Amino acid sequence: MNTERVTSSPRYAKFKEVMDARLALASALRKAGIQLPALDIRVTGRADDPGYGVVELGICAAPVAQQLAEVITRGAEPR
């Protein structure tokens, strides 16, 4: 397999984009003291269409959802 061809493909770029986003989100949540049980990724599309990528946040317990809401609210407040 030609590695250069794979890593320069639009589908690989989309995969890398969603993996980077997942890593950034997991890191930010960890810094806030929050851990979601399942951060997963999905990349849609076909060989000729890279589609789009999503980070699935999965399910979380009510206390974790409350923590997440509090962190987002604090971050959304004007400084």
Protein backbone atom coordinates (compact mmCIF):
# COMPACT_ATOMS: atom_id res chain seq x y z
CA MET A 1 0.00 0.00 0.00
CA ASN A 2 1.25 3.45 -0.89
CA THR A 3 1.38 5.29 2.45
CA GLU A 4 1.87 8.69 0.82
CA ARG A 5 -1.30 8.25 -1.24
CA VAL A 6 -3.33 7.28 1.84
CA THR A 7 -2.10 10.12 4.07
CA SER A 8 -2.71 12.73 1.37
CA SER A 9 -6.25 11.56 0.61
CA PRO A 10 -9.29 13.71 1.55
CA ARG A 11 -10.70 10.81 3.59
CA TYR A 12 -7.52 10.58 5.67
CA ALA A 13 -7.60 14.35 6.21
CA LYS A 14 -11.19 14.06 7.49
CA PHE A 15 -10.17 11.15 9.78
CA LYS A 16 -7.25 13.17 11.15
CA GLU A 17 -9.50 16.20 11.69
CA VAL A 18 -12.00 14.21 13.76
CA MET A 19 -9.25 12.42 15.74
CA ASP A 20 -7.61 15.77 16.55
CA ALA A 21 -10.97 17.17 17.66
CA ARG A 22 -11.62 14.13 19.87
CA LEU A 23 -8.19 14.46 21.47
CA ALA A 24 -8.64 18.20 22.08
CA LEU A 25 -12.07 17.65 23.64
CA ALA A 26 -10.86 14.79 25.85
CA SER A 27 -7.93 16.89 27.02
CA ALA A 28 -10.11 19.92 27.82
CA LEU A 29 -12.60 17.77 29.71
CA ARG A 30 -9.81 16.09 31.66
CA LYS A 31 -8.42 19.53 32.67
CA ALA A 32 -11.91 20.42 33.92
CA GLY A 33 -12.06 17.21 35.94
CA ILE A 34 -14.66 15.59 33.69
CA GLN A 35 -14.40 12.22 32.03
CA LEU A 36 -17.02 11.01 29.59
CA PRO A 37 -17.15 7.21 29.44
CA ALA A 38 -17.20 6.98 25.66
CA LEU A 39 -15.79 9.52 23.24
CA ASP A 40 -15.99 7.81 19.87
CA ILE A 41 -15.57 8.98 16.31
CA ARG A 42 -17.39 8.34 13.07
CA VAL A 43 -16.30 9.32 9.58
CA THR A 44 -18.88 9.10 6.83
CA GLY A 45 -18.42 9.15 3.10
CA ARG A 46 -17.14 7.01 0.26
CA ALA A 47 -13.83 6.58 -1.48
CA ASP A 48 -14.60 9.51 -3.80
CA ASP A 49 -16.28 11.68 -1.11
CA PRO A 50 -14.60 12.30 2.26
CA GLY A 51 -17.95 13.08 3.89
CA TYR A 52 -17.63 14.45 7.39
CA GLY A 53 -16.47 13.32 10.80
CA VAL A 54 -18.26 13.48 14.12
CA VAL A 55 -17.21 13.00 17.72
CA GLU A 56 -19.83 11.03 19.60
CA LEU A 57 -20.04 12.11 23.21
CA GLY A 58 -21.98 9.02 24.23
CA ILE A 59 -24.04 8.85 27.38
CA CYS A 60 -23.12 10.18 30.79
CA ALA A 61 -24.56 10.15 34.27
CA ALA A 62 -26.63 13.13 35.43
CA PRO A 63 -23.90 14.43 37.79
CA VAL A 64 -21.38 14.42 34.93
CA ALA A 65 -23.86 16.25 32.68
CA GLN A 66 -24.30 18.84 35.45
CA GLN A 67 -20.51 19.27 35.77
CA LEU A 68 -20.25 19.69 32.02
CA ALA A 69 -23.01 22.32 32.00
CA GLU A 70 -21.28 24.25 34.80
CA VAL A 71 -17.92 24.23 33.02
CA ILE A 72 -19.50 25.38 29.76
CA THR A 73 -21.43 28.12 31.54
CA ARG A 74 -18.30 29.41 33.28
CA GLY A 75 -16.43 29.41 29.99
CA ALA A 76 -19.27 31.21 28.21
CA GLU A 77 -19.42 34.09 30.70
CA PRO A 78 -17.92 37.39 29.50
CA ARG A 79 -14.52 38.06 30.98
